[in-house]
Amino acid sequence: MDHDPSLRSEHSEIRSFVLFRNTTEREVDVYWVNYSSKLIHYTTLLPKAECMVNTYVTHPWVFKDKQSDERMYVRHQPVYLPEPWYTNFTSAGRLTRKEIHIHFPVRTLTENCLWRIVTLLAQEEDSALWELEIPRMLIQELLIRKRNKVK
């Protein structure tokens, strides 16, 4: 599980109408977090594609790169919690869907480099990391990230 186990859908009282838009050049898997904290695959969005979803305010949504399983973000957050339907009115008083843009997480250069190394070495044994000519501290961080990615 790559999210907080307390993150789960709750009651289904206040509706929300959203339009998820993939702003990346990657395929993105869209997941609903169910009542048991499990990720339920909803759909896969092609690059620049969108999908309309009718959901509820207490139902979390998570987005992942289909190929790398990297978490994508919405409003610079790893989880999207819908807003109530009554916040979706235009200035003309017309109800619209809330447009939600899925994007890459903003990472530091170090995080970017570590992510790339973990991706390249995903199939290698952990001992292969110790053969790299990089500081021990980075190797330990890579091992942590590699183990978390495998789960």
N, C-alpha and C. Protein backbone atom coordinates (compact mmCIF):
# COMPACT_ATOMS: atom_id res chain seq x y z
N MET A 1 0.85 -1.17 0.00
CA MET A 1 0.00 0.00 0.00
C MET A 1 0.90 1.23 0.00
N ASP A 2 0.66 2.16 -0.91
CA ASP A 2 1.51 3.34 -0.99
C ASP A 2 0.79 4.60 -0.53
N HIS A 3 -0.18 4.42 0.36
CA HIS A 3 -0.86 5.58 0.93
C HIS A 3 -1.22 5.28 2.38
N ASP A 4 -1.58 6.30 3.08
CA ASP A 4 -1.95 6.20 4.48
C ASP A 4 -3.14 5.24 4.63
N PRO A 5 -3.01 4.19 5.46
CA PRO A 5 -4.10 3.21 5.60
C PRO A 5 -5.38 3.82 6.17
N SER A 6 -5.28 4.99 6.77
CA SER A 6 -6.50 5.64 7.28
C SER A 6 -7.24 6.38 6.16
N LEU A 7 -6.60 6.49 4.99
CA LEU A 7 -7.24 7.13 3.85
C LEU A 7 -8.24 6.15 3.25
N ARG A 8 -9.52 6.52 3.28
CA ARG A 8 -10.56 5.65 2.76
C ARG A 8 -11.81 6.45 2.49
N SER A 9 -12.66 5.90 1.67
CA SER A 9 -13.96 6.54 1.42
C SER A 9 -14.81 6.39 2.67
N GLU A 10 -15.61 7.41 2.89
CA GLU A 10 -16.53 7.36 4.02
C GLU A 10 -17.95 7.41 3.47
N HIS A 11 -18.82 8.03 4.17
CA HIS A 11 -20.23 8.07 3.75
C HIS A 11 -20.40 8.67 2.36
N SER A 12 -21.51 8.38 1.75
CA SER A 12 -21.81 8.86 0.39
C SER A 12 -23.03 9.78 0.46
N GLU A 13 -22.80 10.97 0.97
CA GLU A 13 -23.92 11.88 1.17
C GLU A 13 -23.89 13.07 0.21
N ILE A 14 -22.78 13.80 0.18
CA ILE A 14 -22.70 15.02 -0.63
C ILE A 14 -22.01 14.69 -1.95
N ARG A 15 -22.74 14.86 -3.03
CA ARG A 15 -22.22 14.51 -4.35
C ARG A 15 -21.22 15.54 -4.87
N SER A 16 -20.40 15.08 -5.80
CA SER A 16 -19.43 15.95 -6.46
C SER A 16 -19.33 15.49 -7.91
N PHE A 17 -19.23 16.47 -8.81
CA PHE A 17 -19.13 16.17 -10.24
C PHE A 17 -17.82 16.75 -10.75
N VAL A 18 -16.92 15.86 -11.19
CA VAL A 18 -15.59 16.31 -11.58
C VAL A 18 -15.25 15.87 -13.01
N LEU A 19 -14.27 16.54 -13.56
CA LEU A 19 -13.70 16.20 -14.86
C LEU A 19 -12.20 16.07 -14.64
N PHE A 20 -11.69 14.83 -14.62
CA PHE A 20 -10.26 14.61 -14.46
C PHE A 20 -9.59 14.79 -15.81
N ARG A 21 -8.57 15.64 -15.86
CA ARG A 21 -7.84 15.89 -17.10
C ARG A 21 -6.37 15.54 -16.88
N ASN A 22 -5.86 14.64 -17.72
CA ASN A 22 -4.45 14.25 -17.68
C ASN A 22 -3.64 15.29 -18.44
N THR A 23 -2.87 16.10 -17.74
CA THR A 23 -2.08 17.15 -18.39
C THR A 23 -0.67 16.67 -18.73
N THR A 24 -0.38 15.38 -18.50
CA THR A 24 0.95 14.85 -18.76
C THR A 24 1.01 14.21 -20.14
N GLU A 25 2.21 13.79 -20.52
CA GLU A 25 2.41 13.06 -21.78
C GLU A 25 2.46 11.56 -21.53
N ARG A 26 2.00 11.13 -20.37
CA ARG A 26 2.02 9.72 -20.00
C ARG A 26 0.60 9.20 -19.81
N GLU A 27 0.46 7.87 -19.88
CA GLU A 27 -0.82 7.28 -19.53
C GLU A 27 -0.92 7.27 -18.01
N VAL A 28 -2.08 7.65 -17.50
CA VAL A 28 -2.27 7.75 -16.05
C VAL A 28 -3.44 6.87 -15.62
N ASP A 29 -3.19 6.02 -14.63
CA ASP A 29 -4.25 5.21 -14.04
C ASP A 29 -4.95 6.02 -12.96
N VAL A 30 -6.27 5.99 -12.98
CA VAL A 30 -7.09 6.71 -12.01
C VAL A 30 -7.68 5.68 -11.05
N TYR A 31 -7.49 5.92 -9.75
CA TYR A 31 -7.97 5.00 -8.73
C TYR A 31 -8.89 5.71 -7.73
N TRP A 32 -9.95 5.02 -7.37
CA TRP A 32 -10.80 5.44 -6.27
C TRP A 32 -10.33 4.68 -5.04
N VAL A 33 -10.22 5.34 -3.89
CA VAL A 33 -9.86 4.66 -2.64
C VAL A 33 -11.16 4.24 -1.98
N ASN A 34 -11.38 2.92 -1.86
CA ASN A 34 -12.67 2.43 -1.37
C ASN A 34 -12.80 2.52 0.15
N TYR A 35 -13.87 1.95 0.67
CA TYR A 35 -14.19 2.01 2.11
C TYR A 35 -13.23 1.20 2.96
N SER A 36 -12.46 0.30 2.32
CA SER A 36 -11.48 -0.52 3.04
C SER A 36 -10.05 -0.05 2.80
N SER A 37 -9.90 1.14 2.24
CA SER A 37 -8.61 1.76 1.96
C SER A 37 -7.87 1.10 0.80
N LYS A 38 -8.57 0.35 -0.03
CA LYS A 38 -7.98 -0.30 -1.20
C LYS A 38 -8.14 0.59 -2.44
N LEU A 39 -7.10 0.58 -3.29
CA LEU A 39 -7.17 1.32 -4.54
C LEU A 39 -7.97 0.51 -5.56
N ILE A 40 -9.03 1.10 -6.08
CA ILE A 40 -9.87 0.46 -7.08
C ILE A 40 -9.63 1.17 -8.41
N HIS A 41 -9.12 0.42 -9.40
CA HIS A 41 -8.84 1.03 -10.70
C HIS A 41 -10.14 1.49 -11.34
N TYR A 42 -10.19 2.76 -11.69
CA TYR A 42 -11.39 3.33 -12.30
C TYR A 42 -11.27 3.41 -13.83
N THR A 43 -10.14 3.96 -14.29
CA THR A 43 -9.89 4.07 -15.72
C THR A 43 -8.43 4.41 -15.96
N THR A 44 -8.02 4.36 -17.22
CA THR A 44 -6.69 4.81 -17.63
C THR A 44 -6.88 5.96 -18.59
N LEU A 45 -6.23 7.07 -18.30
CA LEU A 45 -6.32 8.25 -19.17
C LEU A 45 -5.08 8.33 -20.06
N LEU A 46 -5.30 8.41 -21.34
CA LEU A 46 -4.20 8.64 -22.28
C LEU A 46 -3.67 10.06 -22.09
N PRO A 47 -2.50 10.38 -22.62
CA PRO A 47 -1.99 11.75 -22.51
C PRO A 47 -3.02 12.76 -23.01
N LYS A 48 -3.23 13.79 -22.24
CA LYS A 48 -4.14 14.91 -22.55
C LYS A 48 -5.63 14.51 -22.55
N ALA A 49 -5.94 13.27 -22.18
CA ALA A 49 -7.34 12.82 -22.17
C ALA A 49 -8.03 13.25 -20.88
N GLU A 50 -9.34 13.08 -20.86
CA GLU A 50 -10.14 13.46 -19.69
C GLU A 50 -11.28 12.47 -19.50
N CYS A 51 -11.83 12.46 -18.28
CA CYS A 51 -13.00 11.63 -18.01
C CYS A 51 -13.88 12.31 -16.97
N MET A 52 -15.17 12.15 -17.13
CA MET A 52 -16.14 12.71 -16.19
C MET A 52 -16.43 11.67 -15.12
N VAL A 53 -16.48 12.13 -13.87
CA VAL A 53 -16.73 11.23 -12.74
C VAL A 53 -17.77 11.86 -11.83
N ASN A 54 -18.74 11.05 -11.45
CA ASN A 54 -19.69 11.44 -10.41
C ASN A 54 -19.25 10.73 -9.14
N THR A 55 -18.95 11.48 -8.11
CA THR A 55 -18.38 10.90 -6.90
C THR A 55 -18.98 11.59 -5.67
N TYR A 56 -18.32 11.46 -4.53
CA TYR A 56 -18.80 12.06 -3.29
C TYR A 56 -17.65 12.79 -2.60
N VAL A 57 -17.99 13.74 -1.76
CA VAL A 57 -17.00 14.59 -1.10
C VAL A 57 -16.01 13.79 -0.27
N THR A 58 -16.42 12.72 0.36
CA THR A 58 -15.52 11.95 1.23
C THR A 58 -14.87 10.77 0.52
N HIS A 59 -14.83 10.80 -0.81
CA HIS A 59 -14.22 9.71 -1.57
C HIS A 59 -12.91 10.16 -2.19
N PRO A 60 -11.76 9.68 -1.65
CA PRO A 60 -10.45 10.08 -2.18
C PRO A 60 -10.14 9.43 -3.53
N TRP A 61 -9.32 10.13 -4.31
CA TRP A 61 -8.87 9.65 -5.62
C TRP A 61 -7.36 9.76 -5.69
N VAL A 62 -6.73 8.77 -6.35
CA VAL A 62 -5.28 8.70 -6.48
C VAL A 62 -4.95 8.45 -7.95
N PHE A 63 -3.80 8.96 -8.40
CA PHE A 63 -3.41 8.89 -9.81
C PHE A 63 -1.98 8.39 -9.92
N LYS A 64 -1.75 7.44 -10.86
CA LYS A 64 -0.40 6.89 -11.02
C LYS A 64 -0.04 6.76 -12.48
N ASP A 65 1.24 6.99 -12.76
CA ASP A 65 1.78 6.74 -14.10
C ASP A 65 1.63 5.25 -14.38
N LYS A 66 1.00 4.92 -15.49
CA LYS A 66 0.72 3.51 -15.81
C LYS A 66 1.99 2.68 -15.94
N GLN A 67 3.04 3.24 -16.53
CA GLN A 67 4.26 2.48 -16.78
C GLN A 67 5.15 2.38 -15.54
N SER A 68 5.40 3.49 -14.88
CA SER A 68 6.36 3.51 -13.77
C SER A 68 5.72 3.35 -12.40
N ASP A 69 4.41 3.52 -12.31
CA ASP A 69 3.67 3.45 -11.04
C ASP A 69 3.95 4.68 -10.16
N GLU A 70 4.60 5.69 -10.74
CA GLU A 70 4.89 6.91 -9.99
C GLU A 70 3.59 7.66 -9.70
N ARG A 71 3.49 8.20 -8.51
CA ARG A 71 2.30 8.96 -8.12
C ARG A 71 2.24 10.27 -8.87
N MET A 72 1.11 10.57 -9.46
CA MET A 72 0.85 11.86 -10.07
C MET A 72 0.08 12.70 -9.05
N TYR A 73 0.03 14.00 -9.27
CA TYR A 73 -0.57 14.91 -8.28
C TYR A 73 -1.73 15.68 -8.88
N VAL A 74 -2.54 16.22 -7.98
CA VAL A 74 -3.63 17.14 -8.31
C VAL A 74 -3.49 18.30 -7.34
N ARG A 75 -3.37 19.50 -7.89
CA ARG A 75 -3.19 20.70 -7.04
C ARG A 75 -2.00 20.53 -6.09
N HIS A 76 -0.94 19.91 -6.59
CA HIS A 76 0.30 19.68 -5.85
C HIS A 76 0.11 18.78 -4.63
N GLN A 77 -0.90 17.92 -4.68
CA GLN A 77 -1.18 16.97 -3.61
C GLN A 77 -1.28 15.56 -4.19
N PRO A 78 -0.86 14.54 -3.42
CA PRO A 78 -0.90 13.16 -3.93
C PRO A 78 -2.29 12.52 -3.91
N VAL A 79 -3.24 13.16 -3.24
CA VAL A 79 -4.60 12.64 -3.13
C VAL A 79 -5.57 13.77 -3.45
N TYR A 80 -6.63 13.43 -4.19
CA TYR A 80 -7.67 14.42 -4.47
C TYR A 80 -8.92 14.08 -3.67
N LEU A 81 -9.42 15.06 -2.92
CA LEU A 81 -10.69 14.94 -2.21
C LEU A 81 -11.68 15.88 -2.88
N PRO A 82 -12.76 15.34 -3.44
CA PRO A 82 -13.73 16.16 -4.18
C PRO A 82 -14.40 17.23 -3.32
N GLU A 83 -14.83 18.27 -4.02
CA GLU A 83 -15.55 19.37 -3.38
C GLU A 83 -17.05 19.19 -3.62
N PRO A 84 -17.88 19.77 -2.76
CA PRO A 84 -19.33 19.62 -2.92
C PRO A 84 -19.84 20.17 -4.25
N TRP A 85 -20.87 19.55 -4.79
CA TRP A 85 -21.43 19.93 -6.08
C TRP A 85 -21.86 21.39 -6.10
N TYR A 86 -22.30 21.94 -4.99
CA TYR A 86 -22.84 23.29 -4.98
C TYR A 86 -21.76 24.37 -5.09
N THR A 87 -20.47 23.97 -5.16
CA THR A 87 -19.39 24.94 -5.40
C THR A 87 -19.07 25.05 -6.88
N ASN A 88 -19.79 24.32 -7.73
CA ASN A 88 -19.47 24.23 -9.15
C ASN A 88 -20.35 25.10 -10.03
N PHE A 89 -20.81 26.23 -9.57
CA PHE A 89 -21.65 27.08 -10.39
C PHE A 89 -20.83 28.15 -11.10
N THR A 90 -21.19 28.43 -12.35
CA THR A 90 -20.54 29.50 -13.11
C THR A 90 -21.11 30.83 -12.65
N SER A 91 -20.54 31.94 -13.14
CA SER A 91 -21.06 33.27 -12.79
C SER A 91 -22.48 33.46 -13.31
N ALA A 92 -22.85 32.69 -14.33
CA ALA A 92 -24.21 32.78 -14.88
C ALA A 92 -25.19 31.88 -14.12
N GLY A 93 -24.70 31.22 -13.05
CA GLY A 93 -25.58 30.38 -12.25
C GLY A 93 -25.78 28.98 -12.80
N ARG A 94 -24.94 28.56 -13.72
CA ARG A 94 -25.07 27.24 -14.34
C ARG A 94 -24.14 26.25 -13.63
N LEU A 95 -24.65 25.05 -13.35
CA LEU A 95 -23.86 24.01 -12.70
C LEU A 95 -22.88 23.40 -13.71
N THR A 96 -21.61 23.31 -13.34
CA THR A 96 -20.58 22.72 -14.20
C THR A 96 -19.78 21.69 -13.40
N ARG A 97 -19.03 20.88 -14.11
CA ARG A 97 -18.13 19.93 -13.45
C ARG A 97 -16.86 20.67 -13.02
N LYS A 98 -16.32 20.29 -11.88
CA LYS A 98 -15.06 20.86 -11.40
C LYS A 98 -13.94 20.21 -12.22
N GLU A 99 -13.15 21.03 -12.92
CA GLU A 99 -12.06 20.53 -13.75
C GLU A 99 -10.83 20.32 -12.88
N ILE A 100 -10.33 19.09 -12.88
CA ILE A 100 -9.21 18.70 -12.03
C ILE A 100 -8.04 18.27 -12.91
N HIS A 101 -6.92 18.99 -12.81
CA HIS A 101 -5.75 18.72 -13.65
C HIS A 101 -4.78 17.79 -12.93
N ILE A 102 -4.49 16.67 -13.58
CA ILE A 102 -3.52 15.71 -13.06
C ILE A 102 -2.15 16.10 -13.61
N HIS A 103 -1.15 16.20 -12.74
CA HIS A 103 0.18 16.66 -13.17
C HIS A 103 1.28 15.91 -12.44
N PHE A 104 2.52 16.12 -12.89
CA PHE A 104 3.68 15.52 -12.25
C PHE A 104 3.90 16.17 -10.89
N PRO A 105 4.45 15.41 -9.94
CA PRO A 105 4.82 16.03 -8.67
C PRO A 105 6.03 16.94 -8.88
N VAL A 106 6.11 18.00 -8.11
CA VAL A 106 7.28 18.87 -8.17
C VAL A 106 8.31 18.26 -7.21
N ARG A 107 9.48 17.93 -7.76
CA ARG A 107 10.51 17.26 -6.97
C ARG A 107 11.81 18.03 -7.03
N THR A 108 12.64 17.79 -6.04
CA THR A 108 13.97 18.37 -6.05
C THR A 108 14.84 17.60 -7.06
N LEU A 109 15.96 18.16 -7.41
CA LEU A 109 16.88 17.48 -8.31
C LEU A 109 17.34 16.16 -7.70
N THR A 110 17.60 16.14 -6.42
CA THR A 110 18.02 14.91 -5.74
C THR A 110 16.94 13.84 -5.85
N GLU A 111 15.68 14.22 -5.58
CA GLU A 111 14.57 13.27 -5.69
C GLU A 111 14.44 12.74 -7.12
N ASN A 112 14.59 13.63 -8.10
CA ASN A 112 14.52 13.21 -9.50
C ASN A 112 15.60 12.19 -9.83
N CYS A 113 16.81 12.46 -9.40
CA CYS A 113 17.94 11.56 -9.67
C CYS A 113 17.73 10.21 -8.98
N LEU A 114 17.31 10.24 -7.71
CA LEU A 114 17.08 8.99 -6.99
C LEU A 114 15.98 8.18 -7.65
N TRP A 115 14.90 8.84 -8.06
CA TRP A 115 13.80 8.14 -8.73
C TRP A 115 14.30 7.45 -10.01
N ARG A 116 15.10 8.16 -10.78
CA ARG A 116 15.61 7.60 -12.05
C ARG A 116 16.51 6.40 -11.79
N ILE A 117 17.38 6.50 -10.81
CA ILE A 117 18.28 5.39 -10.49
C ILE A 117 17.48 4.18 -10.03
N VAL A 118 16.51 4.38 -9.16
CA VAL A 118 15.66 3.28 -8.68
C VAL A 118 14.94 2.62 -9.85
N THR A 119 14.43 3.43 -10.78
CA THR A 119 13.74 2.89 -11.94
C THR A 119 14.68 2.04 -12.79
N LEU A 120 15.89 2.53 -13.00
CA LEU A 120 16.86 1.79 -13.82
C LEU A 120 17.32 0.50 -13.15
N LEU A 121 17.40 0.51 -11.82
CA LEU A 121 17.93 -0.65 -11.10
C LEU A 121 16.83 -1.51 -10.47
N ALA A 122 15.59 -1.32 -10.88
CA ALA A 122 14.47 -2.02 -10.26
C ALA A 122 14.63 -3.53 -10.29
N GLN A 123 15.21 -4.07 -11.36
CA GLN A 123 15.34 -5.52 -11.50
C GLN A 123 16.66 -6.05 -10.91
N GLU A 124 17.53 -5.15 -10.50
CA GLU A 124 18.84 -5.56 -9.96
C GLU A 124 18.71 -5.97 -8.49
N GLU A 125 19.66 -6.77 -8.06
CA GLU A 125 19.75 -7.13 -6.64
C GLU A 125 20.22 -5.90 -5.85
N ASP A 126 19.84 -5.84 -4.58
CA ASP A 126 20.25 -4.72 -3.73
C ASP A 126 21.77 -4.58 -3.67
N SER A 127 22.49 -5.69 -3.75
CA SER A 127 23.95 -5.64 -3.66
C SER A 127 24.56 -4.83 -4.81
N ALA A 128 23.84 -4.74 -5.95
CA ALA A 128 24.35 -3.98 -7.09
C ALA A 128 24.49 -2.49 -6.75
N LEU A 129 23.64 -2.01 -5.84
CA LEU A 129 23.72 -0.59 -5.46
C LEU A 129 25.04 -0.27 -4.76
N TRP A 130 25.57 -1.23 -4.01
CA TRP A 130 26.81 -0.98 -3.28
C TRP A 130 28.01 -0.89 -4.22
N GLU A 131 27.85 -1.32 -5.46
CA GLU A 131 28.93 -1.25 -6.43
C GLU A 131 29.01 0.13 -7.10
N LEU A 132 27.97 0.94 -6.93
CA LEU A 132 27.98 2.28 -7.51
C LEU A 132 28.98 3.16 -6.78
N GLU A 133 29.61 4.04 -7.51
CA GLU A 133 30.57 4.95 -6.89
C GLU A 133 29.86 6.23 -6.46
N ILE A 134 29.03 6.08 -5.44
CA ILE A 134 28.28 7.21 -4.89
C ILE A 134 28.33 7.11 -3.37
N PRO A 135 28.06 8.20 -2.66
CA PRO A 135 28.12 8.17 -1.19
C PRO A 135 27.19 7.11 -0.59
N ARG A 136 27.64 6.53 0.51
CA ARG A 136 26.88 5.51 1.24
C ARG A 136 25.49 6.01 1.62
N MET A 137 25.38 7.27 1.98
CA MET A 137 24.09 7.85 2.36
C MET A 137 23.08 7.76 1.21
N LEU A 138 23.55 8.00 -0.02
CA LEU A 138 22.67 7.90 -1.19
C LEU A 138 22.28 6.45 -1.46
N ILE A 139 23.21 5.54 -1.25
CA ILE A 139 22.89 4.12 -1.45
C ILE A 139 21.80 3.69 -0.47
N GLN A 140 21.91 4.12 0.78
CA GLN A 140 20.89 3.78 1.78
C GLN A 140 19.53 4.37 1.39
N GLU A 141 19.53 5.60 0.90
CA GLU A 141 18.28 6.23 0.45
C GLU A 141 17.70 5.49 -0.75
N LEU A 142 18.56 5.07 -1.68
CA LEU A 142 18.10 4.30 -2.84
C LEU A 142 17.47 2.97 -2.42
N LEU A 143 18.09 2.30 -1.45
CA LEU A 143 17.55 1.02 -0.96
C LEU A 143 16.16 1.23 -0.35
N ILE A 144 15.99 2.29 0.39
CA ILE A 144 14.68 2.59 0.99
C ILE A 144 13.65 2.83 -0.10
N ARG A 145 14.01 3.66 -1.08
CA ARG A 145 13.08 3.98 -2.17
C ARG A 145 12.77 2.74 -3.02
N LYS A 146 13.79 1.92 -3.24
CA LYS A 146 13.59 0.71 -4.04
C LYS A 146 12.62 -0.23 -3.35
N ARG A 147 12.78 -0.42 -2.05
CA ARG A 147 11.88 -1.30 -1.30
C ARG A 147 10.46 -0.75 -1.28
N ASN A 148 10.32 0.55 -1.14
CA ASN A 148 8.98 1.16 -1.14
C ASN A 148 8.32 1.05 -2.50
N LYS A 149 9.11 1.12 -3.57
CA LYS A 149 8.55 1.02 -4.92
C LYS A 149 8.05 -0.38 -5.22
N VAL A 150 8.75 -1.37 -4.70
CA VAL A 150 8.40 -2.77 -4.96
C VAL A 150 7.06 -3.12 -4.33
N LYS A 151 6.74 -2.52 -3.20
CA LYS A 151 5.50 -2.84 -2.48
C LYS A 151 4.27 -2.43 -3.24
